[in-house]
C-alpha atoms as a PDB file:
ATOM      1  CA  MET A   1       0.000   0.000   0.000  1.00  0.00           C
ATOM      2  CA  GLN A   2       2.837   2.354   0.830  1.00  0.00           C
ATOM      3  CA  GLN A   3       4.487   1.496  -2.485  1.00  0.00           C
ATOM      4  CA  ASP A   4       1.251   2.390  -4.346  1.00  0.00           C
ATOM      5  CA  SER A   5       1.186   5.717  -2.507  1.00  0.00           C
ATOM      6  CA  HIS A   6       4.762   6.485  -3.529  1.00  0.00           C
ATOM      7  CA  GLN A   7       3.978   5.593  -7.151  1.00  0.00           C
ATOM      8  CA  LEU A   8       0.934   7.897  -7.097  1.00  0.00           C
ATOM      9  CA  VAL A   9       2.996  10.789  -5.721  1.00  0.00           C
ATOM     10  CA  SER A  10       5.673  10.191  -8.363  1.00  0.00           C
ATOM     11  CA  LEU A  11       3.063  10.093 -11.145  1.00  0.00           C
ATOM     12  CA  GLU A  12       1.345  13.289  -9.996  1.00  0.00           C
ATOM     13  CA  SER A  13       4.721  15.037  -9.586  1.00  0.00           C
ATOM     14  CA  HIS A  14       5.679  14.119 -13.140  1.00  0.00           C
ATOM     15  CA  ARG A  15       2.355  15.334 -14.526  1.00  0.00           C
ATOM     16  CA  THR A  16       2.696  18.701 -12.814  1.00  0.00           C
ATOM     17  CA  SER A  17       6.414  19.259 -13.423  1.00  0.00           C
ATOM     18  CA  ALA A  18       7.307  22.592 -15.019  1.00  0.00           C
ATOM     19  CA  ALA A  19      10.469  21.193 -16.625  1.00  0.00           C
ATOM     20  CA  PRO A  20       8.891  20.303 -20.012  1.00  0.00           C
ATOM     21  CA  GLY A  21       7.476  23.833 -20.240  1.00  0.00           C
ATOM     22  CA  ILE A  22      10.858  25.362 -19.510  1.00  0.00           C
ATOM     23  CA  VAL A  23      12.467  23.150 -22.157  1.00  0.00           C
ATOM     24  CA  LEU A  24       9.747  24.061 -24.670  1.00  0.00           C
ATOM     25  CA  MET A  25      10.090  27.798 -24.064  1.00  0.00           C
ATOM     26  CA  ALA A  26      13.890  27.838 -24.116  1.00  0.00           C
ATOM     27  CA  ALA A  27      14.121  25.673 -27.244  1.00  0.00           C
ATOM     28  CA  SER A  28      11.540  27.797 -29.081  1.00  0.00           C
ATOM     29  CA  LEU A  29      13.395  31.037 -28.342  1.00  0.00           C
ATOM     30  CA  LEU A  30      16.759  29.510 -29.243  1.00  0.00           C
ATOM     31  CA  GLU A  31      15.337  28.144 -32.501  1.00  0.00           C
ATOM     32  CA  VAL A  32      14.366  31.659 -33.584  1.00  0.00           C
ATOM     33  CA  LEU A  33      17.849  32.852 -32.621  1.00  0.00           C
ATOM     34  CA  GLY A  34      19.386  29.978 -34.576  1.00  0.00           C
ATOM     35  CA  MET A  35      17.406  30.881 -37.704  1.00  0.00           C
ATOM     36  CA  LEU A  36      18.757  34.428 -37.473  1.00  0.00           C
ATOM     37  CA  HIS A  37      22.270  32.934 -37.781  1.00  0.00           C
ATOM     38  CA  HIS A  38      21.327  30.613 -40.654  1.00  0.00           C
ATOM     39  CA  PRO A  39      23.973  30.964 -43.430  1.00  0.00           C
ATOM     40  CA  SER A  40      22.677  31.961 -46.852  1.00  0.00           C
ATOM     41  CA  LEU A  41      24.129  32.441 -50.333  1.00  0.00           C
ATOM     42  CA  HIS A  42      24.569  35.927 -51.747  1.00  0.00           C
ATOM     43  CA  THR A  43      25.237  35.153 -55.400  1.00  0.00           C
ATOM     44  CA  SER A  44      23.579  33.536 -58.407  1.00  0.00           C
ATOM     45  CA  ASP A  45      26.909  32.516 -59.964  1.00  0.00           C
ATOM     46  CA  VAL A  46      27.472  28.757 -59.634  1.00  0.00           C
ATOM     47  CA  ALA A  47      31.233  28.961 -59.065  1.00  0.00           C
ATOM     48  CA  GLN A  48      30.875  31.624 -56.379  1.00  0.00           C
ATOM     49  CA  ALA A  49      27.984  29.743 -54.772  1.00  0.00           C
ATOM     50  CA  ILE A  50      30.087  26.578 -54.507  1.00  0.00           C
ATOM     51  CA  GLU A  51      32.967  28.581 -53.043  1.00  0.00           C
ATOM     52  CA  GLN A  52      30.661  30.112 -50.425  1.00  0.00           C
ATOM     53  CA  MET A  53      29.126  26.733 -49.550  1.00  0.00           C
ATOM     54  CA  THR A  54      32.559  25.200 -49.107  1.00  0.00           C
ATOM     55  CA  ARG A  55      33.695  28.113 -46.928  1.00  0.00           C
ATOM     56  CA  PHE A  56      30.592  27.975 -44.717  1.00  0.00           C
ATOM     57  CA  ALA A  57      30.360  24.160 -44.551  1.00  0.00           C
ATOM     58  CA  THR A  58      31.342  23.907 -40.872  1.00  0.00           C
ATOM     59  CA  LEU A  59      29.110  26.790 -39.805  1.00  0.00           C
ATOM     60  CA  SER A  60      26.201  25.368 -41.802  1.00  0.00           C
ATOM     61  CA  GLY A  61      26.618  21.947 -40.206  1.00  0.00           C
ATOM     62  CA  VAL A  62      26.740  23.401 -36.699  1.00  0.00           C
ATOM     63  CA  VAL A  63      23.707  25.671 -37.240  1.00  0.00           C
ATOM     64  CA  HIS A  64      21.569  22.932 -38.772  1.00  0.00           C
ATOM     65  CA  GLY A  65      22.665  20.398 -36.163  1.00  0.00           C
ATOM     66  CA  VAL A  66      21.653  22.804 -33.405  1.00  0.00           C
ATOM     67  CA  LEU A  67      18.341  23.605 -35.137  1.00  0.00           C
ATOM     68  CA  ILE A  68      17.499  19.904 -35.492  1.00  0.00           C
ATOM     69  CA  THR A  69      18.299  19.351 -31.811  1.00  0.00           C
ATOM     70  CA  LEU A  70      16.113  22.288 -30.780  1.00  0.00           C
ATOM     71  CA  MET A  71      13.291  21.016 -32.974  1.00  0.00           C
ATOM     72  CA  LEU A  72      13.426  17.657 -31.186  1.00  0.00           C
ATOM     73  CA  LEU A  73      13.393  19.412 -27.807  1.00  0.00           C
ATOM     74  CA  ILE A  74      10.321  21.363 -28.890  1.00  0.00           C
ATOM     75  CA  ALA A  75       8.715  18.095 -29.973  1.00  0.00           C
ATOM     76  CA  TYR A  76       9.478  16.669 -26.521  1.00  0.00           C
ATOM     77  CA  GLY A  77       7.747  19.608 -24.842  1.00  0.00           C
ATOM     78  CA  LEU A  78       4.700  19.270 -27.097  1.00  0.00           C
ATOM     79  CA  VAL A  79       4.548  15.508 -26.504  1.00  0.00           C
ATOM     80  CA  GLU A  80       4.376  16.261 -22.789  1.00  0.00           C
ATOM     81  CA  PHE A  81       1.576  18.738 -23.496  1.00  0.00           C
ATOM     82  CA  ALA A  82      -0.313  16.093 -25.498  1.00  0.00           C
ATOM     83  CA  LEU A  83       0.111  13.493 -22.761  1.00  0.00           C
ATOM     84  CA  ARG A  84      -1.186  15.866 -20.103  1.00  0.00           C
ATOM     85  CA  ARG A  85      -4.078  16.911 -22.300  1.00  0.00           C
ATOM     86  CA  GLY A  86      -4.967  13.256 -22.860  1.00  0.00           C
ATOM     87  CA  LEU A  87      -4.255  10.874 -25.725  1.00  0.00           C
ATOM     88  CA  LEU A  88      -7.832   9.583 -25.535  1.00  0.00           C
ATOM     89  CA  ARG A  89      -8.903  12.825 -27.235  1.00  0.00           C
ATOM     90  CA  PRO A  90      -9.125  12.287 -31.051  1.00  0.00           C
ATOM     91  CA  LEU A  91      -7.838  15.780 -31.923  1.00  0.00           C
ATOM     92  CA  ILE A  92      -4.818  15.309 -29.647  1.00  0.00           C
ATOM     93  CA  ARG A  93      -3.944  12.019 -31.335  1.00  0.00           C
ATOM     94  CA  ALA A  94      -4.450  13.491 -34.811  1.00  0.00           C
ATOM     95  CA  GLY A  95      -2.338  16.507 -33.914  1.00  0.00           C
ATOM     96  CA  GLY A  96       0.448  14.287 -32.624  1.00  0.00           C
ATOM     97  CA  ILE A  97       0.542  12.257 -35.840  1.00  0.00           C
ATOM     98  CA  ALA A  98       0.551  15.340 -38.087  1.00  0.00           C
ATOM     99  CA  TYR A  99       3.116  17.269 -36.052  1.00  0.00           C
ATOM    100  CA  GLY A 100       5.344  14.203 -35.692  1.00  0.00           C
ATOM    101  CA  CYS A 101       5.346  13.644 -39.459  1.00  0.00           C
ATOM    102  CA  GLY A 102       6.232  17.303 -39.937  1.00  0.00           C
ATOM    103  CA  VAL A 103       9.172  17.085 -37.545  1.00  0.00           C
ATOM    104  CA  LEU A 104      10.583  13.982 -39.243  1.00  0.00           C
ATOM    105  CA  VAL A 105      10.331  15.505 -42.719  1.00  0.00           C
ATOM    106  CA  MET A 106      11.751  18.836 -41.514  1.00  0.00           C
ATOM    107  CA  ILE A 107      14.782  16.942 -40.215  1.00  0.00           C
ATOM    108  CA  GLY A 108      15.212  15.686 -43.783  1.00  0.00           C
ATOM    109  CA  ALA A 109      15.094  19.267 -45.078  1.00  0.00           C
ATOM    110  CA  GLY A 110      17.719  20.283 -42.517  1.00  0.00           C
ATOM    111  CA  LEU A 111      20.005  17.403 -43.456  1.00  0.00           C
ATOM    112  CA  VAL A 112      19.816  18.346 -47.130  1.00  0.00           C
ATOM    113  CA  SER A 113      20.466  22.039 -46.486  1.00  0.00           C
ATOM    114  CA  GLY A 114      23.073  21.669 -43.771  1.00  0.00           C
ATOM    115  CA  PHE A 115      25.037  18.594 -44.756  1.00  0.00           C
ATOM    116  CA  ILE A 116      24.233  17.132 -48.177  1.00  0.00           C
ATOM    117  CA  VAL A 117      24.531  20.381 -50.145  1.00  0.00           C
ATOM    118  CA  THR A 118      27.835  21.359 -48.547  1.00  0.00           C
ATOM    119  CA  GLY A 119      29.120  17.792 -48.912  1.00  0.00           C
ATOM    120  CA  VAL A 120      28.317  17.803 -52.611  1.00  0.00           C
ATOM    121  CA  ALA A 121      29.959  21.213 -53.045  1.00  0.00           C
ATOM    122  CA  SER A 122      33.182  20.029 -51.420  1.00  0.00           C
ATOM    123  CA  LEU A 123      33.410  16.629 -53.145  1.00  0.00           C
ATOM    124  CA  VAL A 124      32.382  17.113 -56.770  1.00  0.00           C
ATOM    125  CA  PRO A 125      34.878  18.612 -59.255  1.00  0.00           C
ATOM    126  CA  HIS A 126      34.172  22.142 -60.474  1.00  0.00           C
ATOM    127  CA  ALA A 127      37.183  23.039 -62.580  1.00  0.00           C
ATOM    128  CA  THR A 128      35.526  23.226 -66.002  1.00  0.00           C
ATOM    129  CA  ALA A 129      32.337  24.652 -67.458  1.00  0.00           C
ATOM    130  CA  VAL A 130      30.943  21.117 -67.789  1.00  0.00           C
ATOM    131  CA  ASP A 131      31.697  20.458 -64.118  1.00  0.00           C
ATOM    132  CA  LEU A 132      29.879  23.630 -63.136  1.00  0.00           C
ATOM    133  CA  GLN A 133      26.877  22.635 -65.250  1.00  0.00           C
ATOM    134  CA  VAL A 134      26.747  19.259 -63.500  1.00  0.00           C
ATOM    135  CA  ASN A 135      27.146  21.011 -60.134  1.00  0.00           C
ATOM    136  CA  LEU A 136      24.233  23.282 -60.969  1.00  0.00           C
ATOM    137  CA  GLN A 137      21.967  20.344 -61.801  1.00  0.00           C
ATOM    138  CA  ILE A 138      22.877  18.533 -58.564  1.00  0.00           C
ATOM    139  CA  LEU A 139      22.359  21.667 -56.486  1.00  0.00           C
ATOM    140  CA  LEU A 140      18.993  22.290 -58.153  1.00  0.00           C
ATOM    141  CA  LEU A 141      17.984  18.741 -57.238  1.00  0.00           C
ATOM    142  CA  CYS A 142      19.044  19.381 -53.639  1.00  0.00           C
ATOM    143  CA  ARG A 143      17.047  22.598 -53.598  1.00  0.00           C
ATOM    144  CA  VAL A 144      13.919  20.813 -54.857  1.00  0.00           C
ATOM    145  CA  LEU A 145      14.361  18.129 -52.183  1.00  0.00           C
ATOM    146  CA  ASN A 146      14.882  20.735 -49.468  1.00  0.00           C
ATOM    147  CA  GLN A 147      11.912  22.862 -50.489  1.00  0.00           C
ATOM    148  CA  SER A 148       9.604  19.886 -50.962  1.00  0.00           C
ATOM    149  CA  CYS A 149      10.464  18.556 -47.504  1.00  0.00           C
ATOM    150  CA  ALA A 150      10.175  22.000 -45.892  1.00  0.00           C
ATOM    151  CA  ASN A 151       6.819  22.747 -47.557  1.00  0.00           C
ATOM    152  CA  PHE A 152       5.330  19.435 -46.489  1.00  0.00           C
ATOM    153  CA  ALA A 153       6.752  19.773 -42.980  1.00  0.00           C
ATOM    154  CA  VAL A 154       5.356  23.261 -42.393  1.00  0.00           C
ATOM    155  CA  VAL A 155       1.886  22.213 -43.563  1.00  0.00           C
ATOM    156  CA  ALA A 156       1.966  19.017 -41.459  1.00  0.00           C
ATOM    157  CA  MET A 157       3.178  20.832 -38.339  1.00  0.00           C
ATOM    158  CA  SER A 158       0.537  23.516 -38.916  1.00  0.00           C
ATOM    159  CA  ILE A 159      -2.177  20.861 -39.121  1.00  0.00           C
ATOM    160  CA  GLY A 160      -0.894  19.392 -35.857  1.00  0.00           C
ATOM    161  CA  ILE A 161      -1.008  22.771 -34.123  1.00  0.00           C
ATOM    162  CA  VAL A 162      -4.535  23.438 -35.433  1.00  0.00           C
ATOM    163  CA  CYS A 163      -5.774  20.034 -34.205  1.00  0.00           C
ATOM    164  CA  TRP A 164      -4.337  20.594 -30.733  1.00  0.00           C
ATOM    165  CA  SER A 165      -5.692  24.134 -30.683  1.00  0.00           C
ATOM    166  CA  LEU A 166      -9.202  23.115 -31.725  1.00  0.00           C
ATOM    167  CA  ASP A 167      -9.210  20.712 -28.804  1.00  0.00           C
ATOM    168  CA  LEU A 168      -8.142  23.526 -26.453  1.00  0.00           C
ATOM    169  CA  CYS A 169     -10.918  25.743 -27.805  1.00  0.00           C
ATOM    170  CA  ARG A 170     -13.432  23.376 -26.213  1.00  0.00           C
ATOM    171  CA  ASN A 171     -12.351  24.780 -22.851  1.00  0.00           C
ATOM    172  CA  SER A 172     -12.640  28.325 -21.517  1.00  0.00           C
ATOM    173  CA  GLY A 173     -10.261  30.907 -20.135  1.00  0.00           C
ATOM    174  CA  SER A 174      -6.541  30.629 -20.816  1.00  0.00           C
ATOM    175  CA  LEU A 175      -6.880  27.269 -22.571  1.00  0.00           C
ATOM    176  CA  ARG A 176      -9.298  28.705 -25.116  1.00  0.00           C
ATOM    177  CA  ALA A 177      -7.080  31.768 -25.619  1.00  0.00           C
ATOM    178  CA  VAL A 178      -4.109  29.525 -26.412  1.00  0.00           C
ATOM    179  CA  GLY A 179      -6.372  27.493 -28.680  1.00  0.00           C
ATOM    180  CA  VAL A 180      -7.472  30.541 -30.669  1.00  0.00           C
ATOM    181  CA  LEU A 181      -3.850  31.671 -30.963  1.00  0.00           C
ATOM    182  CA  GLY A 182      -2.852  28.209 -32.170  1.00  0.00           C
ATOM    183  CA  CYS A 183      -5.537  28.176 -34.853  1.00  0.00           C
ATOM    184  CA  LEU A 184      -4.117  31.423 -36.233  1.00  0.00           C
ATOM    185  CA  VAL A 185      -0.518  30.223 -35.903  1.00  0.00           C
ATOM    186  CA  GLY A 186      -1.361  27.026 -37.745  1.00  0.00           C
ATOM    187  CA  LEU A 187      -3.612  28.410 -40.460  1.00  0.00           C
ATOM    188  CA  VAL A 188      -1.790  31.583 -41.507  1.00  0.00           C
ATOM    189  CA  PRO A 189       1.596  30.053 -42.536  1.00  0.00           C
ATOM    190  CA  ALA A 190      -0.030  27.026 -44.179  1.00  0.00           C
ATOM    191  CA  LEU A 191      -2.458  29.127 -46.225  1.00  0.00           C
ATOM    192  CA  ALA A 192       0.244  31.657 -47.118  1.00  0.00           C
ATOM    193  CA  LEU A 193       2.437  28.816 -48.332  1.00  0.00           C
ATOM    194  CA  MET A 194      -0.298  27.099 -50.339  1.00  0.00           C
ATOM    195  CA  PHE A 195      -1.311  30.369 -52.035  1.00  0.00           C
ATOM    196  CA  GLY A 196       2.284  31.351 -52.814  1.00  0.00           C
ATOM    197  CA  GLU A 197       2.400  34.323 -50.461  1.00  0.00           C
ATOM    198  CA  ILE A 198       5.522  33.009 -48.741  1.00  0.00           C
ATOM    199  CA  GLN A 199       8.591  31.104 -49.897  1.00  0.00           C
ATOM    200  CA  LEU A 200      10.537  28.932 -47.491  1.00  0.00           C
ATOM    201  CA  ASP A 201      13.914  30.541 -48.056  1.00  0.00           C
ATOM    202  CA  VAL A 202      15.871  31.598 -44.963  1.00  0.00           C
ATOM    203  CA  HIS A 203      13.717  34.699 -44.458  1.00  0.00           C
ATOM    204  CA  GLY A 204      10.423  32.884 -44.971  1.00  0.00           C
ATOM    205  CA  MET A 205      11.409  29.965 -42.756  1.00  0.00           C
ATOM    206  CA  THR A 206      12.456  32.380 -40.019  1.00  0.00           C
ATOM    207  CA  GLU A 207       8.991  33.945 -40.129  1.00  0.00           C
ATOM    208  CA  VAL A 208       7.349  30.520 -39.825  1.00  0.00           C
ATOM    209  CA  VAL A 209       9.605  29.497 -36.926  1.00  0.00           C
ATOM    210  CA  ALA A 210       8.937  32.773 -35.103  1.00  0.00           C
ATOM    211  CA  THR A 211       5.175  32.387 -35.628  1.00  0.00           C
ATOM    212  CA  GLN A 212       5.156  28.831 -34.302  1.00  0.00           C
ATOM    213  CA  ALA A 213       7.360  29.905 -31.395  1.00  0.00           C
ATOM    214  CA  ALA A 214       4.606  32.248 -30.215  1.00  0.00           C
ATOM    215  CA  TRP A 215       2.232  29.310 -29.751  1.00  0.00           C
ATOM    216  CA  ASN A 216       4.945  27.084 -28.303  1.00  0.00           C
ATOM    217  CA  ILE A 217       5.672  29.703 -25.643  1.00  0.00           C
ATOM    218  CA  ALA A 218       1.966  30.033 -24.844  1.00  0.00           C
ATOM    219  CA  VAL A 219       1.752  26.256 -24.319  1.00  0.00           C
ATOM    220  CA  ALA A 220       4.967  26.369 -22.296  1.00  0.00           C
ATOM    221  CA  LEU A 221       3.430  28.966 -19.981  1.00  0.00           C
ATOM    222  CA  LEU A 222       0.423  26.710 -19.432  1.00  0.00           C
ATOM    223  CA  ILE A 223       2.778  23.925 -18.356  1.00  0.00           C
ATOM    224  CA  ILE A 224       5.017  26.169 -16.242  1.00  0.00           C
ATOM    225  CA  CYS A 225       2.033  27.760 -14.484  1.00  0.00           C
ATOM    226  CA  ARG A 226       0.600  24.274 -13.931  1.00  0.00           C
ATOM    227  CA  VAL A 227      -2.707  25.091 -15.587  1.00  0.00           C
ATOM    228  CA  PRO A 228      -4.807  21.882 -15.588  1.00  0.00           C
ATOM    229  CA  LEU A 229      -4.754  20.642 -19.177  1.00  0.00           C
ATOM    230  CA  GLY A 230      -7.124  17.709 -18.861  1.00  0.00           C
ATOM    231  CA  SER A 231      -8.953  15.429 -16.510  1.00  0.00           C
ATOM    232  CA  VAL A 232      -6.607  13.234 -14.490  1.00  0.00           C
ATOM    233  CA  ARG A 233      -7.866  10.071 -12.921  1.00  0.00           C
ATOM    234  CA  ARG A 234      -6.673   9.854  -9.360  1.00  0.00           C
ATOM    235  CA  LEU A 235      -6.018   6.540  -7.705  1.00  0.00           C
ATOM    236  CA  VAL A 236      -7.599   6.109  -4.308  1.00  0.00           C
ATOM    237  CA  SER A 237      -5.922   3.623  -2.008  1.00  0.00           C
ATOM    238  CA  ALA A 238      -7.958   1.687   0.471  1.00  0.00           C
ATOM    239  CA  PRO A 239      -7.042   2.407   4.099  1.00  0.00           C
END
């Protein structure tokens, strides 16, 4: 009986811990900061572009590695939010699937941009005009892969945020306010992307990350302030 009591205390302590909220808030802010340091090309000439990519290869790898890590930390914080809200809720489950798919595909976009492109630039020959033409074709392929992954990921993550937010809108007070904010955060970037109002270059991706960070921080505050996110079944031990 005493062991059951200790397990109950441990379970309740975990469900009310502010640590996931702190991780979510810190990672969201650092992700925006990381995007502001994202390296970008400043030329349309193939030879100069390859030279810049080779020169910034280490920086690009570090920035994208950090961004991928922060994205996973954000996913951890949102998984904790979903667990506390309750996986028995259909919209929470749907949001988890959509957001999780988005994170996985966005990791692919980061790997292409941060590691594959710079690896190609440093390994393939580029001494002749034919070499440069081949380089251009490979880099265009990498760009298509990166943009396709990023576009899908942003839409999938937006759908996840909207699903979670619609579930929050069923409540009142601060939960509904965060839900309304999440609906806007999810819908605006996705619609802007689908209607061609935004391109996911460095600037456009920074805007998306900053927009999503606003909702992440709102959710983080709910966790940190220990706002009840869902009904929790309490175990009652017999005397």
